[in-house]
Amino acid sequence: ALFFSGTHPKTGEPFIHNVLDGLGTGGGARASLDGW
């Protein structure tokens, strides 16, 4: 999980950006197939 927080330069309002790329874990291999 990764979060950026601060003041948005375009709006002057607070922002919280939750970077969700960390959901891209490697899948476990199975008895007859490679992991996703």
PDB file of all heavy atoms in Angstrom:
ATOM      1  N   ALA A   1       0.837  -1.207   0.000  1.00  0.00           N
ATOM      2  CA  ALA A   1       0.000   0.000   0.000  1.00  0.00           C
ATOM      3  C   ALA A   1       0.866   1.248   0.000  1.00  0.00           C
ATOM      4  O   ALA A   1       1.883   1.312   0.698  1.00  0.00           O
ATOM      5  CB  ALA A   1      -0.913  -0.009   1.211  1.00  0.00           C
ATOM      6  N   LEU A   2       0.444   2.232  -0.760  1.00  0.00           N
ATOM      7  CA  LEU A   2       1.186   3.483  -0.878  1.00  0.00           C
ATOM      8  C   LEU A   2       0.188   4.635  -0.929  1.00  0.00           C
ATOM      9  O   LEU A   2      -0.780   4.591  -1.690  1.00  0.00           O
ATOM     10  CB  LEU A   2       2.044   3.456  -2.151  1.00  0.00           C
ATOM     11  CG  LEU A   2       2.833   4.714  -2.512  1.00  0.00           C
ATOM     12  CD1 LEU A   2       3.864   5.027  -1.442  1.00  0.00           C
ATOM     13  CD2 LEU A   2       3.528   4.516  -3.867  1.00  0.00           C
ATOM     14  N   PHE A   3       0.425   5.650  -0.094  1.00  0.00           N
ATOM     15  CA  PHE A   3      -0.448   6.814  -0.043  1.00  0.00           C
ATOM     16  C   PHE A   3       0.388   8.083  -0.185  1.00  0.00           C
ATOM     17  O   PHE A   3       1.407   8.241   0.490  1.00  0.00           O
ATOM     18  CB  PHE A   3      -1.197   6.890   1.297  1.00  0.00           C
ATOM     19  CG  PHE A   3      -2.151   5.762   1.538  1.00  0.00           C
ATOM     20  CD1 PHE A   3      -1.701   4.551   2.033  1.00  0.00           C
ATOM     21  CD2 PHE A   3      -3.505   5.904   1.282  1.00  0.00           C
ATOM     22  CE1 PHE A   3      -2.579   3.500   2.270  1.00  0.00           C
ATOM     23  CE2 PHE A   3      -4.391   4.867   1.508  1.00  0.00           C
ATOM     24  CZ  PHE A   3      -3.921   3.656   2.004  1.00  0.00           C
ATOM     25  N   PHE A   4      -0.055   8.994  -1.057  1.00  0.00           N
ATOM     26  CA  PHE A   4       0.468  10.351  -1.105  1.00  0.00           C
ATOM     27  C   PHE A   4      -0.611  11.270  -0.540  1.00  0.00           C
ATOM     28  O   PHE A   4      -1.791  11.136  -0.876  1.00  0.00           O
ATOM     29  CB  PHE A   4       0.791  10.790  -2.533  1.00  0.00           C
ATOM     30  CG  PHE A   4       1.890   9.999  -3.192  1.00  0.00           C
ATOM     31  CD1 PHE A   4       1.619   9.153  -4.267  1.00  0.00           C
ATOM     32  CD2 PHE A   4       3.203  10.097  -2.753  1.00  0.00           C
ATOM     33  CE1 PHE A   4       2.622   8.433  -4.879  1.00  0.00           C
ATOM     34  CE2 PHE A   4       4.213   9.375  -3.361  1.00  0.00           C
ATOM     35  CZ  PHE A   4       3.925   8.538  -4.428  1.00  0.00           C
ATOM     36  N   SER A   5      -0.212  12.215   0.304  1.00  0.00           N
ATOM     37  CA  SER A   5      -1.187  13.171   0.839  1.00  0.00           C
ATOM     38  C   SER A   5      -0.563  14.554   0.893  1.00  0.00           C
ATOM     39  O   SER A   5       0.629  14.712   1.157  1.00  0.00           O
ATOM     40  CB  SER A   5      -1.643  12.744   2.235  1.00  0.00           C
ATOM     41  OG  SER A   5      -0.551  12.702   3.145  1.00  0.00           O
ATOM     42  N   GLY A   6      -1.390  15.543   0.608  1.00  0.00           N
ATOM     43  CA  GLY A   6      -0.908  16.920   0.618  1.00  0.00           C
ATOM     44  C   GLY A   6      -1.969  17.857   0.076  1.00  0.00           C
ATOM     45  O   GLY A   6      -3.164  17.574   0.166  1.00  0.00           O
ATOM     46  N   THR A   7      -1.536  18.960  -0.514  1.00  0.00           N
ATOM     47  CA  THR A   7      -2.439  19.948  -1.096  1.00  0.00           C
ATOM     48  C   THR A   7      -2.306  19.909  -2.612  1.00  0.00           C
ATOM     49  O   THR A   7      -1.204  20.016  -3.151  1.00  0.00           O
ATOM     50  CB  THR A   7      -2.109  21.362  -0.585  1.00  0.00           C
ATOM     51  OG1 THR A   7      -2.222  21.373   0.845  1.00  0.00           O
ATOM     52  CG2 THR A   7      -3.067  22.382  -1.173  1.00  0.00           C
ATOM     53  N   HIS A   8      -3.436  19.743  -3.285  1.00  0.00           N
ATOM     54  CA  HIS A   8      -3.411  19.655  -4.746  1.00  0.00           C
ATOM     55  C   HIS A   8      -3.088  21.031  -5.333  1.00  0.00           C
ATOM     56  O   HIS A   8      -3.745  22.034  -5.010  1.00  0.00           O
ATOM     57  CB  HIS A   8      -4.762  19.168  -5.258  1.00  0.00           C
ATOM     58  CG  HIS A   8      -4.703  18.585  -6.631  1.00  0.00           C
ATOM     59  ND1 HIS A   8      -4.335  19.315  -7.739  1.00  0.00           N
ATOM     60  CD2 HIS A   8      -4.954  17.321  -7.082  1.00  0.00           C
ATOM     61  CE1 HIS A   8      -4.377  18.546  -8.811  1.00  0.00           C
ATOM     62  NE2 HIS A   8      -4.742  17.323  -8.441  1.00  0.00           N
ATOM     63  N   PRO A   9      -2.071  21.124  -6.206  1.00  0.00           N
ATOM     64  CA  PRO A   9      -1.661  22.438  -6.721  1.00  0.00           C
ATOM     65  C   PRO A   9      -2.709  23.103  -7.603  1.00  0.00           C
ATOM     66  O   PRO A   9      -2.732  24.333  -7.720  1.00  0.00           O
ATOM     67  CB  PRO A   9      -0.391  22.118  -7.516  1.00  0.00           C
ATOM     68  CG  PRO A   9      -0.496  20.665  -7.859  1.00  0.00           C
ATOM     69  CD  PRO A   9      -1.223  20.031  -6.720  1.00  0.00           C
ATOM     70  N   LYS A  10      -3.605  22.316  -8.208  1.00  0.00           N
ATOM     71  CA  LYS A  10      -4.609  22.908  -9.094  1.00  0.00           C
ATOM     72  C   LYS A  10      -5.829  23.416  -8.344  1.00  0.00           C
ATOM     73  O   LYS A  10      -6.462  24.396  -8.757  1.00  0.00           O
ATOM     74  CB  LYS A  10      -5.036  21.885 -10.148  1.00  0.00           C
ATOM     75  CG  LYS A  10      -3.951  21.519 -11.142  1.00  0.00           C
ATOM     76  CD  LYS A  10      -4.477  20.543 -12.189  1.00  0.00           C
ATOM     77  CE  LYS A  10      -3.402  20.176 -13.205  1.00  0.00           C
ATOM     78  NZ  LYS A  10      -3.912  19.187 -14.203  1.00  0.00           N
ATOM     79  N   THR A  11      -6.181  22.752  -7.249  1.00  0.00           N
ATOM     80  CA  THR A  11      -7.412  23.099  -6.547  1.00  0.00           C
ATOM     81  C   THR A  11      -7.185  23.797  -5.211  1.00  0.00           C
ATOM     82  O   THR A  11      -8.083  24.449  -4.694  1.00  0.00           O
ATOM     83  CB  THR A  11      -8.242  21.838  -6.274  1.00  0.00           C
ATOM     84  OG1 THR A  11      -7.518  20.981  -5.369  1.00  0.00           O
ATOM     85  CG2 THR A  11      -8.531  21.086  -7.562  1.00  0.00           C
ATOM     86  N   GLY A  12      -5.987  23.628  -4.652  1.00  0.00           N
ATOM     87  CA  GLY A  12      -5.720  24.154  -3.326  1.00  0.00           C
ATOM     88  C   GLY A  12      -6.395  23.364  -2.217  1.00  0.00           C
ATOM     89  O   GLY A  12      -6.377  23.777  -1.050  1.00  0.00           O
ATOM     90  N   GLU A  13      -6.989  22.216  -2.573  1.00  0.00           N
ATOM     91  CA  GLU A  13      -7.694  21.375  -1.607  1.00  0.00           C
ATOM     92  C   GLU A  13      -6.817  20.177  -1.212  1.00  0.00           C
ATOM     93  O   GLU A  13      -5.925  19.770  -1.955  1.00  0.00           O
ATOM     94  CB  GLU A  13      -9.007  20.866  -2.204  1.00  0.00           C
ATOM     95  CG  GLU A  13     -10.003  21.963  -2.551  1.00  0.00           C
ATOM     96  CD  GLU A  13     -10.564  22.635  -1.310  1.00  0.00           C
ATOM     97  OE1 GLU A  13     -10.644  21.977  -0.264  1.00  0.00           O
ATOM     98  OE2 GLU A  13     -10.907  23.838  -1.391  1.00  0.00           O
ATOM     99  N   PRO A  14      -7.084  19.605  -0.037  1.00  0.00           N
ATOM    100  CA  PRO A  14      -6.337  18.405   0.362  1.00  0.00           C
ATOM    101  C   PRO A  14      -6.601  17.246  -0.603  1.00  0.00           C
ATOM    102  O   PRO A  14      -7.693  17.139  -1.182  1.00  0.00           O
ATOM    103  CB  PRO A  14      -6.880  18.085   1.755  1.00  0.00           C
ATOM    104  CG  PRO A  14      -7.536  19.335   2.229  1.00  0.00           C
ATOM    105  CD  PRO A  14      -8.050  20.022   1.001  1.00  0.00           C
ATOM    106  N   PHE A  15      -5.599  16.413  -0.786  1.00  0.00           N
ATOM    107  CA  PHE A  15      -5.794  15.196  -1.567  1.00  0.00           C
ATOM    108  C   PHE A  15      -5.155  14.025  -0.832  1.00  0.00           C
ATOM    109  O   PHE A  15      -4.212  14.169  -0.064  1.00  0.00           O
ATOM    110  CB  PHE A  15      -5.208  15.317  -2.980  1.00  0.00           C
ATOM    111  CG  PHE A  15      -3.704  15.205  -3.049  1.00  0.00           C
ATOM    112  CD1 PHE A  15      -3.079  13.963  -3.210  1.00  0.00           C
ATOM    113  CD2 PHE A  15      -2.891  16.338  -2.954  1.00  0.00           C
ATOM    114  CE1 PHE A  15      -1.700  13.857  -3.271  1.00  0.00           C
ATOM    115  CE2 PHE A  15      -1.508  16.238  -3.008  1.00  0.00           C
ATOM    116  CZ  PHE A  15      -0.908  14.992  -3.172  1.00  0.00           C
ATOM    117  N   ILE A  16      -5.709  12.846  -1.061  1.00  0.00           N
ATOM    118  CA  ILE A  16      -5.121  11.583  -0.604  1.00  0.00           C
ATOM    119  C   ILE A  16      -5.162  10.641  -1.790  1.00  0.00           C
ATOM    120  O   ILE A  16      -6.249  10.307  -2.292  1.00  0.00           O
ATOM    121  CB  ILE A  16      -5.889  10.962   0.578  1.00  0.00           C
ATOM    122  CG1 ILE A  16      -5.923  11.919   1.768  1.00  0.00           C
ATOM    123  CG2 ILE A  16      -5.255   9.632   0.992  1.00  0.00           C
ATOM    124  CD1 ILE A  16      -6.815  11.422   2.917  1.00  0.00           C
ATOM    125  N   HIS A  17      -3.988  10.254  -2.246  1.00  0.00           N
ATOM    126  CA  HIS A  17      -3.906   9.349  -3.398  1.00  0.00           C
ATOM    127  C   HIS A  17      -3.477   7.976  -2.903  1.00  0.00           C
ATOM    128  O   HIS A  17      -2.339   7.789  -2.478  1.00  0.00           O
ATOM    129  CB  HIS A  17      -2.914   9.892  -4.424  1.00  0.00           C
ATOM    130  CG  HIS A  17      -2.704   8.991  -5.609  1.00  0.00           C
ATOM    131  ND1 HIS A  17      -3.650   8.087  -6.034  1.00  0.00           N
ATOM    132  CD2 HIS A  17      -1.637   8.830  -6.451  1.00  0.00           C
ATOM    133  CE1 HIS A  17      -3.195   7.435  -7.094  1.00  0.00           C
ATOM    134  NE2 HIS A  17      -1.980   7.858  -7.354  1.00  0.00           N
ATOM    135  N   ASN A  18      -4.405   7.043  -2.950  1.00  0.00           N
ATOM    136  CA  ASN A  18      -4.105   5.656  -2.589  1.00  0.00           C
ATOM    137  C   ASN A  18      -3.665   4.928  -3.854  1.00  0.00           C
ATOM    138  O   ASN A  18      -4.484   4.615  -4.715  1.00  0.00           O
ATOM    139  CB  ASN A  18      -5.345   4.992  -1.983  1.00  0.00           C
ATOM    140  CG  ASN A  18      -5.084   3.571  -1.521  1.00  0.00           C
ATOM    141  OD1 ASN A  18      -3.957   3.099  -1.546  1.00  0.00           O
ATOM    142  ND2 ASN A  18      -6.124   2.891  -1.088  1.00  0.00           N
ATOM    143  N   VAL A  19      -2.368   4.664  -3.947  1.00  0.00           N
ATOM    144  CA  VAL A  19      -1.828   3.957  -5.114  1.00  0.00           C
ATOM    145  C   VAL A  19      -2.133   2.472  -4.948  1.00  0.00           C
ATOM    146  O   VAL A  19      -1.656   1.827  -4.006  1.00  0.00           O
ATOM    147  CB  VAL A  19      -0.312   4.183  -5.241  1.00  0.00           C
ATOM    148  CG1 VAL A  19       0.255   3.389  -6.412  1.00  0.00           C
ATOM    149  CG2 VAL A  19      -0.007   5.663  -5.398  1.00  0.00           C
ATOM    150  N   LEU A  20      -2.929   1.915  -5.857  1.00  0.00           N
ATOM    151  CA  LEU A  20      -3.417   0.558  -5.701  1.00  0.00           C
ATOM    152  C   LEU A  20      -2.679  -0.457  -6.570  1.00  0.00           C
ATOM    153  O   LEU A  20      -3.084  -1.622  -6.667  1.00  0.00           O
ATOM    154  CB  LEU A  20      -4.920   0.520  -5.996  1.00  0.00           C
ATOM    155  CG  LEU A  20      -5.735   1.279  -4.944  1.00  0.00           C
ATOM    156  CD1 LEU A  20      -7.091   1.690  -5.490  1.00  0.00           C
ATOM    157  CD2 LEU A  20      -5.893   0.433  -3.698  1.00  0.00           C
ATOM    158  N   ASP A  21      -1.577  -0.027  -7.164  1.00  0.00           N
ATOM    159  CA  ASP A  21      -0.787  -0.952  -7.974  1.00  0.00           C
ATOM    160  C   ASP A  21      -0.225  -2.099  -7.143  1.00  0.00           C
ATOM    161  O   ASP A  21       0.117  -3.161  -7.676  1.00  0.00           O
ATOM    162  CB  ASP A  21       0.359  -0.205  -8.652  1.00  0.00           C
ATOM    163  CG  ASP A  21      -0.126   0.760  -9.713  1.00  0.00           C
ATOM    164  OD1 ASP A  21      -0.963   1.621  -9.379  1.00  0.00           O
ATOM    165  OD2 ASP A  21       0.313   0.663 -10.869  1.00  0.00           O
ATOM    166  N   GLY A  22      -0.127  -1.878  -5.825  1.00  0.00           N
ATOM    167  CA  GLY A  22       0.370  -2.931  -4.951  1.00  0.00           C
ATOM    168  C   GLY A  22      -0.536  -4.142  -4.863  1.00  0.00           C
ATOM    169  O   GLY A  22      -0.167  -5.155  -4.259  1.00  0.00           O
ATOM    170  N   LEU A  23      -1.745  -4.056  -5.466  1.00  0.00           N
ATOM    171  CA  LEU A  23      -2.602  -5.240  -5.572  1.00  0.00           C
ATOM    172  C   LEU A  23      -2.046  -6.251  -6.564  1.00  0.00           C
ATOM    173  O   LEU A  23      -2.502  -7.398  -6.603  1.00  0.00           O
ATOM    174  CB  LEU A  23      -4.015  -4.839  -6.019  1.00  0.00           C
ATOM    175  CG  LEU A  23      -4.863  -4.059  -5.015  1.00  0.00           C
ATOM    176  CD1 LEU A  23      -6.135  -3.541  -5.684  1.00  0.00           C
ATOM    177  CD2 LEU A  23      -5.214  -4.936  -3.822  1.00  0.00           C
ATOM    178  N   GLY A  24      -1.066  -5.851  -7.352  1.00  0.00           N
ATOM    179  CA  GLY A  24      -0.529  -6.724  -8.397  1.00  0.00           C
ATOM    180  C   GLY A  24       0.469  -7.737  -7.878  1.00  0.00           C
ATOM    181  O   GLY A  24       1.604  -7.828  -8.369  1.00  0.00           O
ATOM    182  N   THR A  25       0.073  -8.521  -6.880  1.00  0.00           N
ATOM    183  CA  THR A  25       0.946  -9.575  -6.371  1.00  0.00           C
ATOM    184  C   THR A  25       1.031 -10.724  -7.370  1.00  0.00           C
ATOM    185  O   THR A  25       0.159 -10.891  -8.221  1.00  0.00           O
ATOM    186  CB  THR A  25       0.415 -10.117  -5.034  1.00  0.00           C
ATOM    187  OG1 THR A  25      -0.882 -10.697  -5.247  1.00  0.00           O
ATOM    188  CG2 THR A  25       0.301  -9.018  -3.997  1.00  0.00           C
ATOM    189  N   GLY A  26       2.071 -11.527  -7.250  1.00  0.00           N
ATOM    190  CA  GLY A  26       2.180 -12.714  -8.087  1.00  0.00           C
ATOM    191  C   GLY A  26       1.332 -13.836  -7.531  1.00  0.00           C
ATOM    192  O   GLY A  26       1.266 -14.049  -6.317  1.00  0.00           O
ATOM    193  N   GLY A  27       0.671 -14.567  -8.403  1.00  0.00           N
ATOM    194  CA  GLY A  27      -0.168 -15.677  -7.975  1.00  0.00           C
ATOM    195  C   GLY A  27       0.644 -16.928  -7.702  1.00  0.00           C
ATOM    196  O   GLY A  27       1.655 -17.192  -8.358  1.00  0.00           O
ATOM    197  N   GLY A  28       0.207 -17.721  -6.736  1.00  0.00           N
ATOM    198  CA  GLY A  28       0.880 -18.974  -6.430  1.00  0.00           C
ATOM    199  C   GLY A  28       0.670 -19.996  -7.541  1.00  0.00           C
ATOM    200  O   GLY A  28      -0.407 -20.082  -8.136  1.00  0.00           O
ATOM    201  N   ALA A  29       1.718 -20.765  -7.820  1.00  0.00           N
ATOM    202  CA  ALA A  29       1.608 -21.832  -8.819  1.00  0.00           C
ATOM    203  C   ALA A  29       0.754 -22.972  -8.273  1.00  0.00           C
ATOM    204  O   ALA A  29       0.711 -23.215  -7.069  1.00  0.00           O
ATOM    205  CB  ALA A  29       2.990 -22.341  -9.193  1.00  0.00           C
ATOM    206  N   ARG A  30       0.082 -23.683  -9.175  1.00  0.00           N
ATOM    207  CA  ARG A  30      -0.785 -24.783  -8.784  1.00  0.00           C
ATOM    208  C   ARG A  30      -0.226 -26.111  -9.278  1.00  0.00           C
ATOM    209  O   ARG A  30       0.798 -26.154  -9.953  1.00  0.00           O
ATOM    210  CB  ARG A  30      -2.186 -24.527  -9.329  1.00  0.00           C
ATOM    211  CG  ARG A  30      -2.873 -23.353  -8.652  1.00  0.00           C
ATOM    212  CD  ARG A  30      -3.810 -22.623  -9.580  1.00  0.00           C
ATOM    213  NE  ARG A  30      -3.099 -21.826 -10.579  1.00  0.00           N
ATOM    214  CZ  ARG A  30      -3.688 -21.216 -11.588  1.00  0.00           C
ATOM    215  NH1 ARG A  30      -4.984 -21.302 -11.738  1.00  0.00           N
ATOM    216  NH2 ARG A  30      -2.985 -20.503 -12.448  1.00  0.00           N
ATOM    217  N   ALA A  31      -0.920 -27.175  -8.975  1.00  0.00           N
ATOM    218  CA  ALA A  31      -0.398 -28.514  -9.249  1.00  0.00           C
ATOM    219  C   ALA A  31      -0.229 -28.793 -10.737  1.00  0.00           C
ATOM    220  O   ALA A  31       0.500 -29.711 -11.118  1.00  0.00           O
ATOM    221  CB  ALA A  31      -1.315 -29.560  -8.626  1.00  0.00           C
ATOM    222  N   SER A  32      -0.883 -28.014 -11.575  1.00  0.00           N
ATOM    223  CA  SER A  32      -0.752 -28.246 -13.009  1.00  0.00           C
ATOM    224  C   SER A  32      -0.676 -26.958 -13.814  1.00  0.00           C
ATOM    225  O   SER A  32      -0.651 -27.015 -15.049  1.00  0.00           O
ATOM    226  CB  SER A  32      -1.942 -29.079 -13.520  1.00  0.00           C
ATOM    227  OG  SER A  32      -3.172 -28.406 -13.258  1.00  0.00           O
ATOM    228  N   LEU A  33      -0.621 -25.828 -13.141  1.00  0.00           N
ATOM    229  CA  LEU A  33      -0.651 -24.540 -13.841  1.00  0.00           C
ATOM    230  C   LEU A  33       0.295 -23.549 -13.175  1.00  0.00           C
ATOM    231  O   LEU A  33       0.475 -23.573 -11.951  1.00  0.00           O
ATOM    232  CB  LEU A  33      -2.068 -23.954 -13.834  1.00  0.00           C
ATOM    233  CG  LEU A  33      -3.144 -24.694 -14.632  1.00  0.00           C
ATOM    234  CD1 LEU A  33      -4.518 -24.131 -14.287  1.00  0.00           C
ATOM    235  CD2 LEU A  33      -2.881 -24.584 -16.125  1.00  0.00           C
ATOM    236  N   ASP A  34       0.860 -22.656 -13.983  1.00  0.00           N
ATOM    237  CA  ASP A  34       1.655 -21.556 -13.441  1.00  0.00           C
ATOM    238  C   ASP A  34       0.733 -20.557 -12.749  1.00  0.00           C
ATOM    239  O   ASP A  34      -0.479 -20.489 -13.006  1.00  0.00           O
ATOM    240  CB  ASP A  34       2.410 -20.839 -14.563  1.00  0.00           C
ATOM    241  CG  ASP A  34       3.480 -21.712 -15.198  1.00  0.00           C
ATOM    242  OD1 ASP A  34       3.938 -22.667 -14.541  1.00  0.00           O
ATOM    243  OD2 ASP A  34       3.858 -21.430 -16.353  1.00  0.00           O
ATOM    244  N   GLY A  35       1.336 -19.736 -11.859  1.00  0.00           N
ATOM    245  CA  GLY A  35       0.557 -18.716 -11.158  1.00  0.00           C
ATOM    246  C   GLY A  35       0.186 -17.552 -12.056  1.00  0.00           C
ATOM    247  O   GLY A  35       0.869 -17.266 -13.050  1.00  0.00           O
ATOM    248  N   TRP A  36      -0.907 -16.902 -11.707  1.00  0.00           N
ATOM    249  CA  TRP A  36      -1.314 -15.702 -12.435  1.00  0.00           C
ATOM    250  C   TRP A  36      -0.335 -14.571 -12.138  1.00  0.00           C
ATOM    251  O   TRP A  36       0.217 -14.473 -11.049  1.00  0.00           O
ATOM    252  CB  TRP A  36      -2.704 -15.252 -12.000  1.00  0.00           C
ATOM    253  CG  TRP A  36      -3.826 -16.142 -12.458  1.00  0.00           C
ATOM    254  CD1 TRP A  36      -3.729 -17.285 -13.175  1.00  0.00           C
ATOM    255  CD2 TRP A  36      -5.216 -15.939 -12.199  1.00  0.00           C
ATOM    256  NE1 TRP A  36      -4.967 -17.814 -13.395  1.00  0.00           N
ATOM    257  CE2 TRP A  36      -5.904 -17.012 -12.803  1.00  0.00           C
ATOM    258  CE3 TRP A  36      -5.942 -14.969 -11.521  1.00  0.00           C
ATOM    259  CZ2 TRP A  36      -7.295 -17.129 -12.745  1.00  0.00           C
ATOM    260  CZ3 TRP A  36      -7.323 -15.072 -11.458  1.00  0.00           C
ATOM    261  CH2 TRP A  36      -7.981 -16.143 -12.072  1.00  0.00           C
TER     262      TRP A  36
END
